[in-house]
Amino acid sequence: MKKQLGQLLIEKKIITQVQLDEALKSQKEKGGLLGQILIELNFISEENLVMSLADQYGFPYLPLSNYDINIEAIKLVPENVARQYFLIPIDKIGNVLTVVMSDPLNDFAIKDLEYITNCKVTAFVSTASDIKDAINRLYGSIVSREEDIAKLNFSNAPRQVDEENSQGGTAPEE
């Protein structure tokens, strides 16, 4: 049987019983996820939470800040899907797409990805802020590169001249 998050954090000496009790009291009064409440109370860091959840559920933890992400894998998953499920595809080997998610227990997201990409999906876990930064950085760079290419292709394209306008000797107004 898997241990509760609070108990796991106490055993790892990340929080004390007093801190857990305060967070549980806040959760009872206001609602919300225990992990987020512990972060808001500054009892744990986002990384502490993700590493503990990774231990609890057996998902490997992958910090994204220095990871070399495969751009071809990024192109397989539309940006809106990445943002909706808070995930980032990082690699594709054969028919296996590896993604990093803030919630790797989201079976619906994994099934949706498998349908969209026609790949088997393997999930790692990372912090929400790492994933958000990667989505903003990588999807933004793909869009701007594709826009640059479109501008280059458009500016180098031969102009079609309208016969009526070409007879007058002046170029059409743009």
N, C-alpha and C. Protein backbone atom coordinates (compact mmCIF):
# COMPACT_ATOMS: atom_id res chain seq x y z
N MET A 1 0.84 -1.19 0.00
CA MET A 1 0.00 0.00 0.00
C MET A 1 0.88 1.25 0.00
N LYS A 2 0.55 2.20 -0.84
CA LYS A 2 1.33 3.43 -0.96
C LYS A 2 1.07 4.32 0.25
N LYS A 3 2.13 4.99 0.69
CA LYS A 3 2.01 5.89 1.84
C LYS A 3 1.39 7.20 1.39
N GLN A 4 0.73 7.86 2.31
CA GLN A 4 0.18 9.18 2.05
C GLN A 4 1.34 10.17 1.89
N LEU A 5 1.10 11.19 1.08
CA LEU A 5 2.13 12.17 0.79
C LEU A 5 2.70 12.79 2.06
N GLY A 6 1.83 13.22 2.97
CA GLY A 6 2.29 13.85 4.20
C GLY A 6 3.22 12.95 4.99
N GLN A 7 2.86 11.68 5.11
CA GLN A 7 3.69 10.72 5.86
C GLN A 7 5.03 10.52 5.17
N LEU A 8 5.01 10.46 3.86
CA LEU A 8 6.24 10.31 3.07
C LEU A 8 7.18 11.49 3.30
N LEU A 9 6.62 12.70 3.29
CA LEU A 9 7.43 13.91 3.50
C LEU A 9 8.01 13.96 4.92
N ILE A 10 7.26 13.47 5.88
CA ILE A 10 7.77 13.42 7.27
C ILE A 10 8.91 12.41 7.36
N GLU A 11 8.72 11.22 6.77
CA GLU A 11 9.76 10.19 6.81
C GLU A 11 11.05 10.66 6.15
N LYS A 12 10.93 11.47 5.11
CA LYS A 12 12.11 12.00 4.41
C LYS A 12 12.69 13.22 5.13
N LYS A 13 12.06 13.61 6.24
CA LYS A 13 12.47 14.77 7.03
C LYS A 13 12.42 16.07 6.23
N ILE A 14 11.44 16.15 5.32
CA ILE A 14 11.24 17.36 4.53
C ILE A 14 10.32 18.32 5.28
N ILE A 15 9.33 17.75 6.00
CA ILE A 15 8.44 18.54 6.86
C ILE A 15 8.36 17.86 8.22
N THR A 16 7.80 18.60 9.16
CA THR A 16 7.57 18.05 10.51
C THR A 16 6.09 17.70 10.64
N GLN A 17 5.76 16.99 11.69
CA GLN A 17 4.36 16.65 11.95
C GLN A 17 3.55 17.92 12.19
N VAL A 18 4.15 18.90 12.85
CA VAL A 18 3.47 20.18 13.13
C VAL A 18 3.12 20.87 11.79
N GLN A 19 4.06 20.88 10.86
CA GLN A 19 3.81 21.50 9.55
C GLN A 19 2.71 20.74 8.80
N LEU A 20 2.75 19.42 8.84
CA LEU A 20 1.72 18.63 8.19
C LEU A 20 0.35 18.93 8.79
N ASP A 21 0.28 18.99 10.12
CA ASP A 21 -1.00 19.28 10.78
C ASP A 21 -1.54 20.64 10.35
N GLU A 22 -0.65 21.65 10.26
CA GLU A 22 -1.07 22.98 9.84
C GLU A 22 -1.59 22.95 8.40
N ALA A 23 -0.89 22.23 7.54
CA ALA A 23 -1.31 22.13 6.13
C ALA A 23 -2.65 21.39 6.01
N LEU A 24 -2.83 20.33 6.78
CA LEU A 24 -4.09 19.57 6.74
C LEU A 24 -5.25 20.42 7.26
N LYS A 25 -4.98 21.23 8.27
CA LYS A 25 -6.01 22.13 8.79
C LYS A 25 -6.41 23.14 7.71
N SER A 26 -5.42 23.70 7.03
CA SER A 26 -5.69 24.65 5.95
C SER A 26 -6.46 23.97 4.82
N GLN A 27 -6.09 22.74 4.51
CA GLN A 27 -6.79 21.99 3.45
C GLN A 27 -8.25 21.75 3.82
N LYS A 28 -8.48 21.43 5.08
CA LYS A 28 -9.85 21.19 5.55
C LYS A 28 -10.69 22.46 5.46
N GLU A 29 -10.08 23.61 5.79
CA GLU A 29 -10.80 24.89 5.78
C GLU A 29 -11.03 25.43 4.37
N LYS A 30 -10.01 25.37 3.56
CA LYS A 30 -10.06 26.02 2.25
C LYS A 30 -10.14 25.07 1.06
N GLY A 31 -9.86 23.79 1.29
CA GLY A 31 -9.80 22.84 0.18
C GLY A 31 -8.47 22.95 -0.54
N GLY A 32 -8.31 22.16 -1.57
CA GLY A 32 -7.08 22.19 -2.36
C GLY A 32 -6.25 20.95 -2.17
N LEU A 33 -5.20 20.87 -2.95
CA LEU A 33 -4.30 19.72 -2.89
C LEU A 33 -3.26 19.94 -1.80
N LEU A 34 -2.97 18.90 -1.05
CA LEU A 34 -2.04 19.01 0.07
C LEU A 34 -0.67 19.50 -0.41
N GLY A 35 -0.17 18.96 -1.50
CA GLY A 35 1.14 19.38 -2.00
C GLY A 35 1.20 20.87 -2.30
N GLN A 36 0.16 21.38 -2.94
CA GLN A 36 0.12 22.82 -3.27
C GLN A 36 0.04 23.66 -2.00
N ILE A 37 -0.71 23.19 -1.03
CA ILE A 37 -0.83 23.93 0.24
C ILE A 37 0.53 23.97 0.94
N LEU A 38 1.25 22.87 0.94
CA LEU A 38 2.58 22.83 1.56
C LEU A 38 3.54 23.80 0.87
N ILE A 39 3.42 23.92 -0.45
CA ILE A 39 4.25 24.87 -1.19
C ILE A 39 3.85 26.31 -0.83
N GLU A 40 2.54 26.58 -0.82
CA GLU A 40 2.05 27.93 -0.50
C GLU A 40 2.45 28.36 0.91
N LEU A 41 2.52 27.40 1.82
CA LEU A 41 2.94 27.71 3.19
C LEU A 41 4.46 27.78 3.32
N ASN A 42 5.16 27.59 2.21
CA ASN A 42 6.63 27.60 2.18
C ASN A 42 7.26 26.51 3.05
N PHE A 43 6.55 25.38 3.20
CA PHE A 43 7.09 24.25 3.95
C PHE A 43 7.94 23.36 3.06
N ILE A 44 7.63 23.32 1.76
CA ILE A 44 8.40 22.51 0.81
C ILE A 44 8.55 23.30 -0.49
N SER A 45 9.49 22.85 -1.30
CA SER A 45 9.65 23.44 -2.64
C SER A 45 8.86 22.59 -3.64
N GLU A 46 8.66 23.15 -4.81
CA GLU A 46 7.97 22.41 -5.86
C GLU A 46 8.77 21.15 -6.21
N GLU A 47 10.09 21.28 -6.21
CA GLU A 47 10.95 20.12 -6.52
C GLU A 47 10.81 19.03 -5.45
N ASN A 48 10.76 19.43 -4.15
CA ASN A 48 10.54 18.45 -3.08
C ASN A 48 9.25 17.66 -3.32
N LEU A 49 8.20 18.39 -3.69
CA LEU A 49 6.90 17.77 -3.92
C LEU A 49 6.98 16.77 -5.07
N VAL A 50 7.54 17.19 -6.19
CA VAL A 50 7.59 16.33 -7.37
C VAL A 50 8.46 15.10 -7.11
N MET A 51 9.59 15.29 -6.45
CA MET A 51 10.46 14.14 -6.16
C MET A 51 9.77 13.15 -5.22
N SER A 52 9.01 13.67 -4.28
CA SER A 52 8.29 12.78 -3.35
C SER A 52 7.17 12.04 -4.07
N LEU A 53 6.45 12.75 -4.95
CA LEU A 53 5.40 12.09 -5.73
C LEU A 53 5.99 11.05 -6.67
N ALA A 54 7.16 11.35 -7.23
CA ALA A 54 7.83 10.39 -8.10
C ALA A 54 8.17 9.13 -7.32
N ASP A 55 8.67 9.29 -6.08
CA ASP A 55 8.96 8.14 -5.22
C ASP A 55 7.69 7.39 -4.88
N GLN A 56 6.65 8.14 -4.55
CA GLN A 56 5.39 7.55 -4.11
C GLN A 56 4.76 6.68 -5.20
N TYR A 57 4.82 7.15 -6.44
CA TYR A 57 4.12 6.44 -7.52
C TYR A 57 5.06 5.70 -8.48
N GLY A 58 6.37 5.83 -8.27
CA GLY A 58 7.31 5.07 -9.07
C GLY A 58 7.62 5.66 -10.44
N PHE A 59 7.34 6.94 -10.65
CA PHE A 59 7.68 7.58 -11.92
C PHE A 59 9.06 8.21 -11.79
N PRO A 60 9.89 8.08 -12.82
CA PRO A 60 11.19 8.74 -12.75
C PRO A 60 11.03 10.26 -12.83
N TYR A 61 11.84 10.97 -12.05
CA TYR A 61 11.84 12.43 -12.02
C TYR A 61 12.89 12.93 -13.02
N LEU A 62 12.51 13.90 -13.83
CA LEU A 62 13.42 14.47 -14.82
C LEU A 62 13.36 15.99 -14.79
N PRO A 63 14.38 16.63 -14.21
CA PRO A 63 14.43 18.10 -14.28
C PRO A 63 14.74 18.50 -15.72
N LEU A 64 14.00 19.47 -16.24
CA LEU A 64 14.12 19.82 -17.66
C LEU A 64 15.10 20.94 -17.97
N SER A 65 15.57 21.64 -16.95
CA SER A 65 16.35 22.85 -17.20
C SER A 65 17.57 22.63 -18.09
N ASN A 66 18.25 21.51 -17.99
CA ASN A 66 19.44 21.26 -18.81
C ASN A 66 19.27 20.07 -19.74
N TYR A 67 18.03 19.63 -19.94
CA TYR A 67 17.79 18.46 -20.77
C TYR A 67 17.68 18.87 -22.24
N ASP A 68 18.34 18.13 -23.12
CA ASP A 68 18.31 18.42 -24.55
C ASP A 68 17.06 17.76 -25.16
N ILE A 69 16.04 18.56 -25.42
CA ILE A 69 14.76 18.06 -25.89
C ILE A 69 14.75 17.96 -27.42
N ASN A 70 14.27 16.83 -27.92
CA ASN A 70 14.21 16.56 -29.36
C ASN A 70 13.08 17.38 -30.00
N ILE A 71 13.43 18.30 -30.89
CA ILE A 71 12.46 19.18 -31.54
C ILE A 71 11.46 18.38 -32.37
N GLU A 72 11.90 17.26 -32.96
CA GLU A 72 10.97 16.43 -33.74
C GLU A 72 9.88 15.85 -32.85
N ALA A 73 10.19 15.54 -31.61
CA ALA A 73 9.18 15.05 -30.66
C ALA A 73 8.18 16.16 -30.34
N ILE A 74 8.68 17.38 -30.20
CA ILE A 74 7.82 18.53 -29.91
C ILE A 74 6.78 18.70 -31.02
N LYS A 75 7.20 18.51 -32.26
CA LYS A 75 6.31 18.72 -33.40
C LYS A 75 5.16 17.70 -33.46
N LEU A 76 5.29 16.59 -32.74
CA LEU A 76 4.24 15.56 -32.74
C LEU A 76 3.03 15.95 -31.89
N VAL A 77 3.25 16.83 -30.92
CA VAL A 77 2.18 17.18 -29.98
C VAL A 77 1.82 18.66 -30.16
N PRO A 78 0.57 18.94 -30.52
CA PRO A 78 0.16 20.34 -30.66
C PRO A 78 0.33 21.11 -29.35
N GLU A 79 0.65 22.39 -29.47
CA GLU A 79 0.89 23.23 -28.30
C GLU A 79 -0.31 23.24 -27.35
N ASN A 80 -1.53 23.31 -27.91
CA ASN A 80 -2.70 23.36 -27.03
C ASN A 80 -2.84 22.08 -26.19
N VAL A 81 -2.43 20.95 -26.74
CA VAL A 81 -2.48 19.68 -25.99
C VAL A 81 -1.42 19.70 -24.89
N ALA A 82 -0.22 20.19 -25.23
CA ALA A 82 0.85 20.28 -24.23
C ALA A 82 0.42 21.17 -23.06
N ARG A 83 -0.21 22.29 -23.38
CA ARG A 83 -0.65 23.22 -22.32
C ARG A 83 -1.83 22.63 -21.53
N GLN A 84 -2.76 21.98 -22.23
CA GLN A 84 -3.93 21.42 -21.56
C GLN A 84 -3.54 20.37 -20.52
N TYR A 85 -2.62 19.48 -20.89
CA TYR A 85 -2.23 18.39 -19.99
C TYR A 85 -0.95 18.68 -19.21
N PHE A 86 -0.39 19.86 -19.38
CA PHE A 86 0.85 20.26 -18.72
C PHE A 86 1.92 19.19 -18.91
N LEU A 87 2.31 19.02 -20.17
CA LEU A 87 3.33 18.02 -20.51
C LEU A 87 4.20 18.55 -21.63
N ILE A 88 5.36 17.93 -21.78
CA ILE A 88 6.26 18.28 -22.87
C ILE A 88 6.85 16.99 -23.42
N PRO A 89 6.70 16.77 -24.74
CA PRO A 89 7.35 15.60 -25.33
C PRO A 89 8.85 15.86 -25.40
N ILE A 90 9.66 14.87 -25.04
CA ILE A 90 11.10 15.11 -25.01
C ILE A 90 11.88 14.24 -26.00
N ASP A 91 11.30 13.10 -26.40
CA ASP A 91 12.03 12.23 -27.31
C ASP A 91 11.09 11.22 -27.95
N LYS A 92 11.49 10.72 -29.10
CA LYS A 92 10.74 9.65 -29.77
C LYS A 92 11.76 8.67 -30.32
N ILE A 93 11.65 7.44 -29.87
CA ILE A 93 12.51 6.37 -30.37
C ILE A 93 11.59 5.28 -30.88
N GLY A 94 11.67 5.02 -32.17
CA GLY A 94 10.77 4.05 -32.79
C GLY A 94 9.35 4.53 -32.64
N ASN A 95 8.51 3.70 -32.04
CA ASN A 95 7.10 4.04 -31.86
C ASN A 95 6.80 4.46 -30.41
N VAL A 96 7.84 4.85 -29.67
CA VAL A 96 7.66 5.23 -28.26
C VAL A 96 7.97 6.72 -28.10
N LEU A 97 6.96 7.45 -27.65
CA LEU A 97 7.10 8.88 -27.37
C LEU A 97 7.28 9.05 -25.86
N THR A 98 8.36 9.71 -25.47
CA THR A 98 8.62 9.97 -24.06
C THR A 98 8.19 11.39 -23.75
N VAL A 99 7.37 11.53 -22.72
CA VAL A 99 6.88 12.85 -22.30
C VAL A 99 7.20 13.06 -20.83
N VAL A 100 7.30 14.33 -20.46
CA VAL A 100 7.44 14.72 -19.06
C VAL A 100 6.16 15.44 -18.69
N MET A 101 5.54 15.01 -17.58
CA MET A 101 4.24 15.55 -17.17
C MET A 101 4.30 15.99 -15.71
N SER A 102 3.43 16.93 -15.37
CA SER A 102 3.31 17.27 -13.96
C SER A 102 2.41 16.25 -13.25
N ASP A 103 1.54 15.57 -14.00
CA ASP A 103 0.64 14.56 -13.44
C ASP A 103 0.67 13.29 -14.29
N PRO A 104 1.67 12.44 -14.09
CA PRO A 104 1.77 11.22 -14.91
C PRO A 104 0.70 10.18 -14.60
N LEU A 105 -0.13 10.44 -13.61
CA LEU A 105 -1.24 9.53 -13.31
C LEU A 105 -2.47 9.84 -14.16
N ASN A 106 -2.40 10.88 -14.99
CA ASN A 106 -3.53 11.28 -15.83
C ASN A 106 -3.61 10.33 -17.03
N ASP A 107 -4.35 9.23 -16.83
CA ASP A 107 -4.49 8.22 -17.89
C ASP A 107 -5.17 8.79 -19.13
N PHE A 108 -6.11 9.70 -18.94
CA PHE A 108 -6.81 10.29 -20.08
C PHE A 108 -5.82 11.04 -20.98
N ALA A 109 -4.91 11.78 -20.36
CA ALA A 109 -3.90 12.53 -21.13
C ALA A 109 -3.02 11.57 -21.92
N ILE A 110 -2.60 10.50 -21.29
CA ILE A 110 -1.72 9.54 -21.96
C ILE A 110 -2.46 8.86 -23.11
N LYS A 111 -3.71 8.44 -22.88
CA LYS A 111 -4.49 7.82 -23.97
C LYS A 111 -4.73 8.81 -25.12
N ASP A 112 -5.01 10.05 -24.78
CA ASP A 112 -5.20 11.09 -25.80
C ASP A 112 -3.93 11.28 -26.63
N LEU A 113 -2.79 11.33 -25.96
CA LEU A 113 -1.51 11.47 -26.65
C LEU A 113 -1.23 10.28 -27.56
N GLU A 114 -1.53 9.09 -27.06
CA GLU A 114 -1.31 7.89 -27.88
C GLU A 114 -2.17 7.94 -29.14
N TYR A 115 -3.39 8.44 -29.00
CA TYR A 115 -4.28 8.56 -30.16
C TYR A 115 -3.77 9.62 -31.14
N ILE A 116 -3.39 10.78 -30.62
CA ILE A 116 -2.93 11.89 -31.46
C ILE A 116 -1.64 11.54 -32.21
N THR A 117 -0.71 10.91 -31.50
CA THR A 117 0.63 10.67 -32.07
C THR A 117 0.79 9.29 -32.69
N ASN A 118 -0.15 8.39 -32.41
CA ASN A 118 -0.05 7.01 -32.87
C ASN A 118 1.23 6.35 -32.34
N CYS A 119 1.59 6.72 -31.11
CA CYS A 119 2.79 6.17 -30.45
C CYS A 119 2.40 5.63 -29.07
N LYS A 120 3.23 4.74 -28.56
CA LYS A 120 3.10 4.34 -27.16
C LYS A 120 3.77 5.44 -26.34
N VAL A 121 3.15 5.85 -25.24
CA VAL A 121 3.67 6.96 -24.45
C VAL A 121 4.28 6.45 -23.14
N THR A 122 5.49 6.92 -22.87
CA THR A 122 6.17 6.67 -21.61
C THR A 122 6.27 8.00 -20.88
N ALA A 123 5.91 8.01 -19.58
CA ALA A 123 5.86 9.27 -18.84
C ALA A 123 6.92 9.36 -17.75
N PHE A 124 7.51 10.55 -17.66
CA PHE A 124 8.38 10.96 -16.57
C PHE A 124 7.64 12.08 -15.84
N VAL A 125 8.13 12.47 -14.68
CA VAL A 125 7.51 13.56 -13.94
C VAL A 125 8.52 14.69 -13.73
N SER A 126 8.02 15.92 -13.75
CA SER A 126 8.86 17.08 -13.48
C SER A 126 8.00 18.16 -12.84
N THR A 127 8.64 19.24 -12.45
CA THR A 127 7.89 20.33 -11.81
C THR A 127 7.04 21.06 -12.84
N ALA A 128 5.94 21.60 -12.38
CA ALA A 128 5.04 22.36 -13.26
C ALA A 128 5.78 23.56 -13.85
N SER A 129 6.61 24.21 -13.05
CA SER A 129 7.31 25.39 -13.58
C SER A 129 8.34 25.01 -14.65
N ASP A 130 9.04 23.87 -14.48
CA ASP A 130 9.96 23.39 -15.53
C ASP A 130 9.20 23.12 -16.82
N ILE A 131 8.04 22.48 -16.70
CA ILE A 131 7.25 22.14 -17.89
C ILE A 131 6.73 23.41 -18.56
N LYS A 132 6.22 24.33 -17.76
CA LYS A 132 5.70 25.59 -18.32
C LYS A 132 6.81 26.35 -19.05
N ASP A 133 7.99 26.43 -18.44
CA ASP A 133 9.12 27.11 -19.09
C ASP A 133 9.49 26.43 -20.40
N ALA A 134 9.51 25.09 -20.40
CA ALA A 134 9.87 24.35 -21.61
C ALA A 134 8.82 24.55 -22.71
N ILE A 135 7.54 24.54 -22.35
CA ILE A 135 6.48 24.76 -23.34
C ILE A 135 6.64 26.15 -23.96
N ASN A 136 6.81 27.16 -23.11
CA ASN A 136 6.95 28.53 -23.61
C ASN A 136 8.19 28.69 -24.49
N ARG A 137 9.29 28.09 -24.06
CA ARG A 137 10.55 28.21 -24.80
C ARG A 137 10.50 27.44 -26.12
N LEU A 138 10.06 26.19 -26.07
CA LEU A 138 10.16 25.33 -27.25
C LEU A 138 9.06 25.56 -28.27
N TYR A 139 7.83 25.70 -27.82
CA TYR A 139 6.77 25.95 -28.80
C TYR A 139 6.91 27.34 -29.40
N GLY A 140 7.37 28.30 -28.60
CA GLY A 140 7.62 29.64 -29.12
C GLY A 140 8.71 29.63 -30.18
N SER A 141 9.77 28.83 -29.97
CA SER A 141 10.87 28.81 -30.94
C SER A 141 10.45 28.13 -32.23
N ILE A 142 9.60 27.12 -32.16
CA ILE A 142 9.12 26.46 -33.38
C ILE A 142 8.26 27.43 -34.18
N VAL A 143 7.36 28.13 -33.49
CA VAL A 143 6.48 29.07 -34.18
C VAL A 143 7.31 30.17 -34.83
N SER A 144 8.26 30.75 -34.10
CA SER A 144 9.02 31.85 -34.68
C SER A 144 9.91 31.36 -35.82
N ARG A 145 10.46 30.14 -35.74
CA ARG A 145 11.25 29.61 -36.84
C ARG A 145 10.38 29.39 -38.07
N GLU A 146 9.18 28.83 -37.87
CA GLU A 146 8.29 28.59 -39.00
C GLU A 146 7.82 29.91 -39.62
N GLU A 147 7.58 30.93 -38.77
CA GLU A 147 7.20 32.24 -39.29
C GLU A 147 8.35 32.85 -40.09
N ASP A 148 9.59 32.69 -39.60
CA ASP A 148 10.76 33.20 -40.33
C ASP A 148 10.88 32.51 -41.69
N ILE A 149 10.67 31.21 -41.71
CA ILE A 149 10.74 30.46 -42.97
C ILE A 149 9.65 30.94 -43.92
N ALA A 150 8.44 31.13 -43.39
CA ALA A 150 7.34 31.60 -44.24
C ALA A 150 7.67 32.97 -44.82
N LYS A 151 8.25 33.86 -44.01
CA LYS A 151 8.62 35.19 -44.50
C LYS A 151 9.67 35.08 -45.60
N LEU A 152 10.65 34.21 -45.39
CA LEU A 152 11.70 34.03 -46.40
C LEU A 152 11.10 33.52 -47.70
N ASN A 153 10.25 32.52 -47.59
CA ASN A 153 9.64 31.94 -48.79
C ASN A 153 8.78 32.96 -49.51
N PHE A 154 8.05 33.78 -48.75
CA PHE A 154 7.18 34.78 -49.36
C PHE A 154 8.00 35.87 -50.03
N SER A 155 9.05 36.32 -49.36
CA SER A 155 9.83 37.43 -49.92
C SER A 155 10.63 37.00 -51.14
N ASN A 156 10.94 35.73 -51.27
CA ASN A 156 11.69 35.25 -52.43
C ASN A 156 10.79 34.77 -53.55
N ALA A 157 9.49 34.73 -53.29
CA ALA A 157 8.56 34.22 -54.30
C ALA A 157 8.45 35.22 -55.45
N PRO A 158 8.36 34.71 -56.70
CA PRO A 158 8.21 35.64 -57.82
C PRO A 158 6.85 36.33 -57.73
N ARG A 159 6.84 37.59 -58.06
CA ARG A 159 5.59 38.34 -58.01
C ARG A 159 4.82 38.12 -59.30
N GLN A 160 3.54 37.94 -59.14
CA GLN A 160 2.69 37.80 -60.30
C GLN A 160 2.24 39.20 -60.70
N VAL A 161 2.47 39.55 -61.94
CA VAL A 161 2.15 40.89 -62.40
C VAL A 161 0.83 40.85 -63.14
N ASP A 162 -0.04 41.73 -62.78
CA ASP A 162 -1.34 41.85 -63.44
C ASP A 162 -1.10 42.62 -64.74
N GLU A 163 -1.58 42.07 -65.87
CA GLU A 163 -1.32 42.69 -67.17
C GLU A 163 -1.83 44.12 -67.24
N GLU A 164 -2.99 44.38 -66.70
CA GLU A 164 -3.53 45.74 -66.77
C GLU A 164 -2.60 46.72 -66.08
N ASN A 165 -2.11 46.35 -64.88
CA ASN A 165 -1.25 47.25 -64.13
C ASN A 165 0.13 47.37 -64.75
N SER A 166 0.61 46.30 -65.41
CA SER A 166 1.96 46.36 -65.97
C SER A 166 2.02 47.26 -67.20
N GLN A 167 0.92 47.43 -67.90
CA GLN A 167 0.93 48.28 -69.08
C GLN A 167 1.07 49.74 -68.71
N GLY A 168 0.61 50.13 -67.57
CA GLY A 168 0.68 51.52 -67.14
C GLY A 168 2.06 51.93 -66.70
N GLY A 169 2.95 50.96 -66.48
CA GLY A 169 4.31 51.27 -66.11
C GLY A 169 4.51 51.53 -64.63
N THR A 170 3.47 51.47 -63.83
CA THR A 170 3.66 51.65 -62.36
C THR A 170 3.26 50.38 -61.65
N ALA A 171 3.91 50.14 -60.57
CA ALA A 171 3.61 48.94 -59.79
C ALA A 171 2.30 49.15 -59.03
N PRO A 172 1.57 48.06 -58.78
CA PRO A 172 0.32 48.19 -58.03
C PRO A 172 0.62 48.65 -56.60
N GLU A 173 -0.29 49.43 -56.04
CA GLU A 173 -0.11 49.90 -54.67
C GLU A 173 -0.33 48.75 -53.72
N GLU A 174 0.46 48.72 -52.64
CA GLU A 174 0.32 47.65 -51.64
C GLU A 174 -0.14 48.19 -50.33
